[in-house]
């Protein structure tokens, strides 16, 4: 019995050792595989990150080059517009950062509401025909366009110089220019060849329609020659004004006022 027991115990110890060896080998293999996967992922992340950084650096450099180029252009424009640069002269009525003071012969046009409008007011104090007795925005625009078309070298509306982007806006019988409001009568003066300016006024279809309302409803109209007009210096933009003209088809009567809206075209 003693010998049988001893042999049986030795066999069980040998089997346990085999199981331990197998478990150790399996665990080592698992750890090795895990380590390889981790290393491959780390390498891929490092490679992608490096490429992304290089891409961002190149983009930043490109944007910086654009900034440098635009800064050079701004500096060139600033130098060109600086006083004494020679880009603004008394013969230039629309270039540089200022419109220089100018003087010379020209014409003055005056537009005014009709004194007859009170006769058209009914007992309720209103009238559907009141538009026929007042100066409209398109009437003022028609005069301005015609004077530019006639070769005006400089122009003023009331006490303000006209710029290439000037817009006279109407609100009732009051108009505004550059934020300043004016009531009738309205005065528009232009420096240039007097004969050419007067001819342009006479040839304007928009003004022809306005003159019909002058005759029918008493609107005010004067176009007079002036020997010595003097315009003060005023702020302007860098883009010069060359001319404006009435767009084709813009002078048809819309039936709502003294004349149809006139549109300007500049370059």
C-alpha atoms as a PDB file:
ATOM      1  CA  UNK A   1       0.000   0.000   0.000  1.00  0.00           C
ATOM      2  CA  UNK A   2       2.794   2.451   0.817  1.00  0.00           C
ATOM      3  CA  UNK A   3       4.539   2.011  -2.560  1.00  0.00           C
ATOM      4  CA  UNK A   4       1.267   2.436  -4.497  1.00  0.00           C
ATOM      5  CA  UNK A   5       0.468   5.694  -2.766  1.00  0.00           C
ATOM      6  CA  UNK A   6       3.892   7.170  -3.468  1.00  0.00           C
ATOM      7  CA  UNK A   7       3.793   6.441  -7.205  1.00  0.00           C
ATOM      8  CA  UNK A   8       0.274   7.917  -7.558  1.00  0.00           C
ATOM      9  CA  UNK A   9       1.288  11.213  -5.905  1.00  0.00           C
ATOM     10  CA  UNK A  10       4.282  11.680  -8.198  1.00  0.00           C
ATOM     11  CA  UNK A  11       2.114  11.374 -11.345  1.00  0.00           C
ATOM     12  CA  UNK A  12      -0.289  14.103 -10.183  1.00  0.00           C
ATOM     13  CA  UNK A  13       2.606  16.529  -9.545  1.00  0.00           C
ATOM     14  CA  UNK A  14       3.928  16.039 -13.082  1.00  0.00           C
ATOM     15  CA  UNK A  15       0.533  16.903 -14.638  1.00  0.00           C
ATOM     16  CA  UNK A  16       0.245  20.125 -12.584  1.00  0.00           C
ATOM     17  CA  UNK A  17       3.667  21.275 -13.755  1.00  0.00           C
ATOM     18  CA  UNK A  18       2.632  20.797 -17.421  1.00  0.00           C
ATOM     19  CA  UNK A  19      -0.452  22.919 -16.945  1.00  0.00           C
ATOM     20  CA  UNK A  20       1.608  25.715 -15.418  1.00  0.00           C
ATOM     21  CA  UNK A  21       4.072  25.641 -18.323  1.00  0.00           C
ATOM     22  CA  UNK A  22       1.241  25.861 -20.883  1.00  0.00           C
ATOM     23  CA  UNK A  23      -0.350  28.771 -19.012  1.00  0.00           C
ATOM     24  CA  UNK A  24       2.939  30.679 -18.841  1.00  0.00           C
ATOM     25  CA  UNK A  25       3.577  30.184 -22.566  1.00  0.00           C
ATOM     26  CA  UNK A  26       0.031  31.333 -23.433  1.00  0.00           C
ATOM     27  CA  UNK A  27       0.317  34.426 -21.239  1.00  0.00           C
ATOM     28  CA  UNK A  28       3.695  35.296 -22.748  1.00  0.00           C
ATOM     29  CA  UNK A  29       2.247  35.006 -26.248  1.00  0.00           C
ATOM     30  CA  UNK A  30      -0.694  37.240 -25.323  1.00  0.00           C
ATOM     31  CA  UNK A  31       1.583  39.884 -23.843  1.00  0.00           C
ATOM     32  CA  UNK A  32       3.841  39.768 -26.897  1.00  0.00           C
ATOM     33  CA  UNK A  33       0.903  40.224 -29.292  1.00  0.00           C
ATOM     34  CA  UNK A  34      -0.524  43.059 -27.250  1.00  0.00           C
ATOM     35  CA  UNK A  35       2.842  44.801 -27.194  1.00  0.00           C
ATOM     36  CA  UNK A  36       3.160  44.540 -30.986  1.00  0.00           C
ATOM     37  CA  UNK A  37      -0.329  46.007 -31.550  1.00  0.00           C
ATOM     38  CA  UNK A  38       0.351  48.897 -29.191  1.00  0.00           C
ATOM     39  CA  UNK A  39       3.651  49.685 -30.892  1.00  0.00           C
ATOM     40  CA  UNK A  40       2.057  49.648 -34.368  1.00  0.00           C
ATOM     41  CA  UNK A  41      -0.758  52.015 -33.231  1.00  0.00           C
ATOM     42  CA  UNK A  42       1.720  54.399 -31.634  1.00  0.00           C
ATOM     43  CA  UNK A  43       3.794  54.470 -34.801  1.00  0.00           C
ATOM     44  CA  UNK A  44       0.725  55.198 -36.947  1.00  0.00           C
ATOM     45  CA  UNK A  45      -0.424  58.027 -34.636  1.00  0.00           C
ATOM     46  CA  UNK A  46       3.020  59.576 -34.590  1.00  0.00           C
ATOM     47  CA  UNK A  47       3.219  59.440 -38.392  1.00  0.00           C
ATOM     48  CA  UNK A  48      -0.249  61.036 -38.866  1.00  0.00           C
ATOM     49  CA  UNK A  49       0.463  63.778 -36.316  1.00  0.00           C
ATOM     50  CA  UNK A  50       3.739  64.717 -37.971  1.00  0.00           C
ATOM     51  CA  UNK A  51       2.056  64.983 -41.366  1.00  0.00           C
ATOM     52  CA  UNK A  52      -0.764  67.123 -39.961  1.00  0.00           C
ATOM     53  CA  UNK A  53       1.712  69.476 -38.316  1.00  0.00           C
ATOM     54  CA  UNK A  54       3.629  69.870 -41.566  1.00  0.00           C
ATOM     55  CA  UNK A  55       0.375  70.648 -43.414  1.00  0.00           C
ATOM     56  CA  UNK A  56      -0.610  73.305 -40.861  1.00  0.00           C
ATOM     57  CA  UNK A  57       2.829  74.898 -40.970  1.00  0.00           C
ATOM     58  CA  UNK A  58       2.640  75.153 -44.775  1.00  0.00           C
ATOM     59  CA  UNK A  59      -0.852  76.710 -44.584  1.00  0.00           C
ATOM     60  CA  UNK A  60       0.269  79.276 -42.004  1.00  0.00           C
ATOM     61  CA  UNK A  61       3.215  80.223 -44.200  1.00  0.00           C
ATOM     62  CA  UNK A  62       0.931  80.678 -47.221  1.00  0.00           C
ATOM     63  CA  UNK A  63      -1.423  82.933 -45.243  1.00  0.00           C
ATOM     64  CA  UNK A  64       1.514  84.948 -43.949  1.00  0.00           C
ATOM     65  CA  UNK A  65       2.705  85.475 -47.526  1.00  0.00           C
ATOM     66  CA  UNK A  66      -0.769  86.765 -48.434  1.00  0.00           C
ATOM     67  CA  UNK A  67      -0.717  89.151 -45.471  1.00  0.00           C
ATOM     68  CA  UNK A  68       2.686  90.478 -46.474  1.00  0.00           C
ATOM     69  CA  UNK A  69       1.529  91.026 -50.058  1.00  0.00           C
ATOM     70  CA  UNK A  70      -1.645  92.870 -49.002  1.00  0.00           C
ATOM     71  CA  UNK A  71       0.317  94.971 -46.522  1.00  0.00           C
ATOM     72  CA  UNK A  72       2.643  96.049 -49.315  1.00  0.00           C
ATOM     73  CA  UNK A  73      -0.350  97.085 -51.458  1.00  0.00           C
ATOM     74  CA  UNK A  74      -1.868  99.076 -48.578  1.00  0.00           C
ATOM     75  CA  UNK A  75       1.435 100.834 -47.985  1.00  0.00           C
ATOM     76  CA  UNK A  76       1.728 101.702 -51.684  1.00  0.00           C
ATOM     77  CA  UNK A  77      -1.799 103.160 -51.753  1.00  0.00           C
ATOM     78  CA  UNK A  78      -1.155 105.112 -48.549  1.00  0.00           C
ATOM     79  CA  UNK A  79       2.053 106.583 -49.969  1.00  0.00           C
ATOM     80  CA  UNK A  80       0.305 107.468 -53.225  1.00  0.00           C
ATOM     81  CA  UNK A  81      -2.484 109.299 -51.377  1.00  0.00           C
ATOM     82  CA  UNK A  82      -0.186 111.166 -49.006  1.00  0.00           C
ATOM     83  CA  UNK A  83       0.029 114.980 -49.328  1.00  0.00           C
ATOM     84  CA  UNK A  84       2.839 116.022 -51.652  1.00  0.00           C
ATOM     85  CA  UNK A  85       2.796 112.737 -53.525  1.00  0.00           C
ATOM     86  CA  UNK A  86       1.726 114.523 -56.690  1.00  0.00           C
ATOM     87  CA  UNK A  87      -1.408 112.403 -57.162  1.00  0.00           C
ATOM     88  CA  UNK A  88      -3.893 115.155 -56.234  1.00  0.00           C
ATOM     89  CA  UNK A  89      -3.797 118.342 -58.267  1.00  0.00           C
ATOM     90  CA  UNK A  90      -6.101 121.274 -58.794  1.00  0.00           C
ATOM     91  CA  UNK A  91      -7.033 119.758 -62.148  1.00  0.00           C
ATOM     92  CA  UNK A  92      -8.144 116.501 -60.529  1.00  0.00           C
ATOM     93  CA  UNK A  93     -11.734 116.871 -59.296  1.00  0.00           C
ATOM     94  CA  UNK A  94     -12.180 113.278 -58.206  1.00  0.00           C
ATOM     95  CA  UNK A  95      -8.913 111.505 -57.311  1.00  0.00           C
ATOM     96  CA  UNK A  96      -6.848 111.077 -54.166  1.00  0.00           C
ATOM     97  CA  UNK A  97      -8.133 111.200 -50.600  1.00  0.00           C
ATOM     98  CA  UNK A  98      -9.520 114.739 -51.048  1.00  0.00           C
ATOM     99  CA  UNK A  99     -11.343 116.690 -53.691  1.00  0.00           C
ATOM    100  CA  UNK A 100      -9.207 119.824 -54.072  1.00  0.00           C
ATOM    101  CA  UNK A 101     -10.658 123.311 -54.085  1.00  0.00           C
ATOM    102  CA  UNK A 102     -11.594 124.328 -57.638  1.00  0.00           C
ATOM    103  CA  UNK A 103     -13.029 127.377 -59.364  1.00  0.00           C
ATOM    104  CA  UNK A 104     -14.198 128.393 -62.794  1.00  0.00           C
ATOM    105  CA  UNK A 105     -17.217 129.148 -64.948  1.00  0.00           C
ATOM    106  CA  UNK A 106     -20.230 126.904 -64.964  1.00  0.00           C
ATOM    107  CA  UNK A 107     -23.991 126.752 -64.479  1.00  0.00           C
ATOM    108  CA  UNK A 108     -26.420 126.778 -61.563  1.00  0.00           C
ATOM    109  CA  UNK A 109     -29.729 124.908 -61.640  1.00  0.00           C
ATOM    110  CA  UNK A 110     -32.535 125.636 -59.161  1.00  0.00           C
ATOM    111  CA  UNK A 111     -35.503 123.310 -58.608  1.00  0.00           C
ATOM    112  CA  UNK A 112     -38.459 124.287 -56.416  1.00  0.00           C
ATOM    113  CA  UNK A 113     -41.874 123.046 -55.362  1.00  0.00           C
ATOM    114  CA  UNK A 114     -44.901 124.667 -56.968  1.00  0.00           C
ATOM    115  CA  UNK A 115     -46.735 127.396 -55.035  1.00  0.00           C
ATOM    116  CA  UNK A 116     -49.932 126.014 -56.606  1.00  0.00           C
ATOM    117  CA  UNK A 117     -50.012 122.894 -54.456  1.00  0.00           C
ATOM    118  CA  UNK A 118     -52.169 124.611 -51.830  1.00  0.00           C
ATOM    119  CA  UNK A 119     -54.896 125.048 -54.435  1.00  0.00           C
ATOM    120  CA  UNK A 120     -54.962 121.275 -54.963  1.00  0.00           C
ATOM    121  CA  UNK A 121     -55.535 120.416 -51.302  1.00  0.00           C
ATOM    122  CA  UNK A 122     -59.114 119.315 -50.690  1.00  0.00           C
ATOM    123  CA  UNK A 123     -61.287 119.957 -47.627  1.00  0.00           C
ATOM    124  CA  UNK A 124     -59.743 117.013 -45.763  1.00  0.00           C
ATOM    125  CA  UNK A 125     -56.284 118.538 -46.119  1.00  0.00           C
ATOM    126  CA  UNK A 126     -54.973 115.935 -48.536  1.00  0.00           C
ATOM    127  CA  UNK A 127     -54.779 115.405 -52.269  1.00  0.00           C
ATOM    128  CA  UNK A 128     -53.936 112.441 -54.433  1.00  0.00           C
ATOM    129  CA  UNK A 129     -52.246 114.787 -56.927  1.00  0.00           C
ATOM    130  CA  UNK A 130     -49.798 116.419 -54.504  1.00  0.00           C
ATOM    131  CA  UNK A 131     -46.892 114.600 -56.182  1.00  0.00           C
ATOM    132  CA  UNK A 132     -47.388 116.729 -59.281  1.00  0.00           C
ATOM    133  CA  UNK A 133     -46.549 119.908 -57.345  1.00  0.00           C
ATOM    134  CA  UNK A 134     -43.300 118.903 -55.596  1.00  0.00           C
ATOM    135  CA  UNK A 135     -39.719 118.185 -56.685  1.00  0.00           C
ATOM    136  CA  UNK A 136     -38.834 114.511 -56.590  1.00  0.00           C
ATOM    137  CA  UNK A 137     -35.581 112.649 -56.096  1.00  0.00           C
ATOM    138  CA  UNK A 138     -35.543 111.575 -59.747  1.00  0.00           C
ATOM    139  CA  UNK A 139     -35.816 115.214 -60.831  1.00  0.00           C
ATOM    140  CA  UNK A 140     -32.663 116.098 -58.901  1.00  0.00           C
ATOM    141  CA  UNK A 141     -30.910 112.987 -60.207  1.00  0.00           C
ATOM    142  CA  UNK A 142     -31.884 113.946 -63.756  1.00  0.00           C
ATOM    143  CA  UNK A 143     -30.141 117.312 -63.407  1.00  0.00           C
ATOM    144  CA  UNK A 144     -27.039 115.778 -61.802  1.00  0.00           C
ATOM    145  CA  UNK A 145     -26.777 113.094 -64.501  1.00  0.00           C
ATOM    146  CA  UNK A 146     -27.204 115.630 -67.294  1.00  0.00           C
ATOM    147  CA  UNK A 147     -24.476 117.888 -65.894  1.00  0.00           C
ATOM    148  CA  UNK A 148     -22.019 114.997 -65.597  1.00  0.00           C
ATOM    149  CA  UNK A 149     -22.955 113.960 -69.115  1.00  0.00           C
ATOM    150  CA  UNK A 150     -22.300 117.527 -70.257  1.00  0.00           C
ATOM    151  CA  UNK A 151     -18.708 117.331 -69.066  1.00  0.00           C
ATOM    152  CA  UNK A 152     -18.870 118.880 -65.597  1.00  0.00           C
ATOM    153  CA  UNK A 153     -15.464 118.703 -63.923  1.00  0.00           C
ATOM    154  CA  UNK A 154     -16.822 119.357 -60.432  1.00  0.00           C
ATOM    155  CA  UNK A 155     -20.269 119.663 -58.903  1.00  0.00           C
ATOM    156  CA  UNK A 156     -22.017 120.711 -55.715  1.00  0.00           C
ATOM    157  CA  UNK A 157     -25.483 120.074 -54.310  1.00  0.00           C
ATOM    158  CA  UNK A 158     -26.298 122.963 -51.996  1.00  0.00           C
ATOM    159  CA  UNK A 159     -23.172 123.322 -49.799  1.00  0.00           C
ATOM    160  CA  UNK A 160     -21.678 119.862 -50.417  1.00  0.00           C
ATOM    161  CA  UNK A 161     -19.334 118.558 -53.102  1.00  0.00           C
ATOM    162  CA  UNK A 162     -20.679 115.649 -55.122  1.00  0.00           C
ATOM    163  CA  UNK A 163     -18.603 112.452 -54.962  1.00  0.00           C
ATOM    164  CA  UNK A 164     -18.720 109.479 -57.309  1.00  0.00           C
ATOM    165  CA  UNK A 165     -20.871 107.608 -54.774  1.00  0.00           C
ATOM    166  CA  UNK A 166     -23.061 110.545 -53.711  1.00  0.00           C
ATOM    167  CA  UNK A 167     -26.754 109.667 -53.443  1.00  0.00           C
ATOM    168  CA  UNK A 168     -29.491 112.247 -52.975  1.00  0.00           C
ATOM    169  CA  UNK A 169     -32.322 110.588 -51.030  1.00  0.00           C
ATOM    170  CA  UNK A 170     -35.883 111.903 -50.865  1.00  0.00           C
ATOM    171  CA  UNK A 171     -38.216 111.796 -47.863  1.00  0.00           C
ATOM    172  CA  UNK A 172     -41.390 113.730 -48.550  1.00  0.00           C
ATOM    173  CA  UNK A 173     -40.377 117.149 -49.843  1.00  0.00           C
ATOM    174  CA  UNK A 174     -37.060 116.968 -47.952  1.00  0.00           C
ATOM    175  CA  UNK A 175     -33.905 115.409 -49.404  1.00  0.00           C
ATOM    176  CA  UNK A 176     -30.674 114.317 -47.742  1.00  0.00           C
ATOM    177  CA  UNK A 177     -27.095 114.094 -48.983  1.00  0.00           C
ATOM    178  CA  UNK A 178     -24.296 112.490 -46.934  1.00  0.00           C
ATOM    179  CA  UNK A 179     -26.608 112.577 -43.896  1.00  0.00           C
ATOM    180  CA  UNK A 180     -27.501 116.289 -44.178  1.00  0.00           C
ATOM    181  CA  UNK A 181     -31.106 117.311 -44.901  1.00  0.00           C
ATOM    182  CA  UNK A 182     -32.322 120.050 -47.254  1.00  0.00           C
ATOM    183  CA  UNK A 183     -35.668 121.632 -48.087  1.00  0.00           C
ATOM    184  CA  UNK A 184     -36.613 123.245 -51.415  1.00  0.00           C
ATOM    185  CA  UNK A 185     -35.548 125.196 -53.324  1.00  0.00           C
ATOM    186  CA  UNK A 186     -32.652 122.924 -54.334  1.00  0.00           C
ATOM    187  CA  UNK A 187     -29.493 124.362 -55.903  1.00  0.00           C
ATOM    188  CA  UNK A 188     -27.101 122.322 -58.068  1.00  0.00           C
ATOM    189  CA  UNK A 189     -23.942 123.982 -59.413  1.00  0.00           C
ATOM    190  CA  UNK A 190     -21.396 122.552 -61.840  1.00  0.00           C
ATOM    191  CA  UNK A 191     -18.071 123.795 -63.175  1.00  0.00           C
ATOM    192  CA  UNK A 192     -17.341 123.159 -66.829  1.00  0.00           C
ATOM    193  CA  UNK A 193     -17.941 124.378 -70.340  1.00  0.00           C
ATOM    194  CA  UNK A 194     -21.105 126.439 -70.049  1.00  0.00           C
ATOM    195  CA  UNK A 195     -22.363 125.780 -73.570  1.00  0.00           C
ATOM    196  CA  UNK A 196     -21.890 122.030 -73.204  1.00  0.00           C
ATOM    197  CA  UNK A 197     -23.579 121.975 -69.794  1.00  0.00           C
ATOM    198  CA  UNK A 198     -26.593 123.954 -70.988  1.00  0.00           C
ATOM    199  CA  UNK A 199     -26.873 121.768 -74.087  1.00  0.00           C
ATOM    200  CA  UNK A 200     -26.833 118.634 -71.919  1.00  0.00           C
ATOM    201  CA  UNK A 201     -29.647 120.021 -69.771  1.00  0.00           C
ATOM    202  CA  UNK A 202     -31.724 120.807 -72.864  1.00  0.00           C
ATOM    203  CA  UNK A 203     -31.078 117.341 -74.337  1.00  0.00           C
ATOM    204  CA  UNK A 204     -32.035 115.377 -71.205  1.00  0.00           C
ATOM    205  CA  UNK A 205     -35.338 113.466 -71.623  1.00  0.00           C
ATOM    206  CA  UNK A 206     -35.782 113.482 -67.848  1.00  0.00           C
ATOM    207  CA  UNK A 207     -35.526 117.272 -67.670  1.00  0.00           C
ATOM    208  CA  UNK A 208     -37.842 117.607 -70.686  1.00  0.00           C
ATOM    209  CA  UNK A 209     -40.525 115.749 -68.721  1.00  0.00           C
ATOM    210  CA  UNK A 210     -39.857 117.916 -65.667  1.00  0.00           C
ATOM    211  CA  UNK A 211     -40.308 121.077 -67.735  1.00  0.00           C
ATOM    212  CA  UNK A 212     -43.719 119.830 -68.816  1.00  0.00           C
ATOM    213  CA  UNK A 213     -44.732 119.796 -65.150  1.00  0.00           C
ATOM    214  CA  UNK A 214     -43.188 123.239 -64.774  1.00  0.00           C
ATOM    215  CA  UNK A 215     -45.627 124.516 -67.375  1.00  0.00           C
ATOM    216  CA  UNK A 216     -48.631 122.543 -66.144  1.00  0.00           C
ATOM    217  CA  UNK A 217     -48.252 122.700 -62.368  1.00  0.00           C
ATOM    218  CA  UNK A 218     -45.903 125.595 -61.667  1.00  0.00           C
ATOM    219  CA  UNK A 219     -42.802 123.698 -60.528  1.00  0.00           C
ATOM    220  CA  UNK A 220     -39.741 125.922 -60.173  1.00  0.00           C
ATOM    221  CA  UNK A 221     -36.929 125.745 -62.763  1.00  0.00           C
ATOM    222  CA  UNK A 222     -33.907 127.947 -63.410  1.00  0.00           C
ATOM    223  CA  UNK A 223     -30.721 127.197 -65.340  1.00  0.00           C
ATOM    224  CA  UNK A 224     -28.265 130.097 -65.197  1.00  0.00           C
ATOM    225  CA  UNK A 225     -24.679 130.651 -66.280  1.00  0.00           C
ATOM    226  CA  UNK A 226     -22.145 131.565 -63.578  1.00  0.00           C
ATOM    227  CA  UNK A 227     -18.815 133.184 -64.401  1.00  0.00           C
ATOM    228  CA  UNK A 228     -16.897 132.276 -61.244  1.00  0.00           C
ATOM    229  CA  UNK A 229     -17.980 129.295 -59.172  1.00  0.00           C
ATOM    230  CA  UNK A 230     -15.752 128.332 -56.237  1.00  0.00           C
ATOM    231  CA  UNK A 231     -15.903 124.887 -54.645  1.00  0.00           C
ATOM    232  CA  UNK A 232     -14.044 124.158 -51.375  1.00  0.00           C
ATOM    233  CA  UNK A 233     -11.798 121.176 -50.716  1.00  0.00           C
ATOM    234  CA  UNK A 234     -13.606 118.166 -49.297  1.00  0.00           C
ATOM    235  CA  UNK A 235     -12.863 114.582 -48.289  1.00  0.00           C
ATOM    236  CA  UNK A 236     -13.132 111.906 -50.983  1.00  0.00           C
ATOM    237  CA  UNK A 237     -12.289 108.267 -51.627  1.00  0.00           C
ATOM    238  CA  UNK A 238      -9.389 106.846 -53.618  1.00  0.00           C
ATOM    239  CA  UNK A 239     -11.569 105.784 -56.552  1.00  0.00           C
ATOM    240  CA  UNK A 240     -11.796 108.655 -59.072  1.00  0.00           C
ATOM    241  CA  UNK A 241     -14.997 109.790 -60.740  1.00  0.00           C
ATOM    242  CA  UNK A 242     -14.850 110.032 -64.504  1.00  0.00           C
ATOM    243  CA  UNK A 243     -18.451 110.535 -65.626  1.00  0.00           C
ATOM    244  CA  UNK A 244     -22.065 109.504 -65.198  1.00  0.00           C
ATOM    245  CA  UNK A 245     -24.877 109.239 -67.698  1.00  0.00           C
ATOM    246  CA  UNK A 246     -28.549 108.385 -67.770  1.00  0.00           C
ATOM    247  CA  UNK A 247     -29.188 104.712 -68.456  1.00  0.00           C
ATOM    248  CA  UNK A 248     -31.224 103.963 -71.565  1.00  0.00           C
ATOM    249  CA  UNK A 249     -34.906 103.480 -70.867  1.00  0.00           C
ATOM    250  CA  UNK A 250     -34.693 105.193 -67.486  1.00  0.00           C
ATOM    251  CA  UNK A 251     -36.558 108.330 -68.543  1.00  0.00           C
ATOM    252  CA  UNK A 252     -40.009 106.928 -69.270  1.00  0.00           C
ATOM    253  CA  UNK A 253     -42.719 108.586 -67.192  1.00  0.00           C
ATOM    254  CA  UNK A 254     -43.996 106.191 -64.522  1.00  0.00           C
ATOM    255  CA  UNK A 255     -47.077 108.315 -63.940  1.00  0.00           C
ATOM    256  CA  UNK A 256     -46.357 108.690 -60.231  1.00  0.00           C
ATOM    257  CA  UNK A 257     -44.464 111.965 -60.220  1.00  0.00           C
ATOM    258  CA  UNK A 258     -42.888 114.748 -62.169  1.00  0.00           C
ATOM    259  CA  UNK A 259     -40.472 112.447 -63.955  1.00  0.00           C
ATOM    260  CA  UNK A 260     -39.184 108.902 -64.038  1.00  0.00           C
ATOM    261  CA  UNK A 261     -36.238 107.793 -61.869  1.00  0.00           C
ATOM    262  CA  UNK A 262     -32.842 108.402 -63.438  1.00  0.00           C
ATOM    263  CA  UNK A 263     -30.021 105.939 -62.817  1.00  0.00           C
ATOM    264  CA  UNK A 264     -26.327 106.723 -62.857  1.00  0.00           C
ATOM    265  CA  UNK A 265     -23.575 104.700 -64.439  1.00  0.00           C
ATOM    266  CA  UNK A 266     -19.995 105.343 -63.322  1.00  0.00           C
ATOM    267  CA  UNK A 267     -16.624 103.774 -63.827  1.00  0.00           C
END
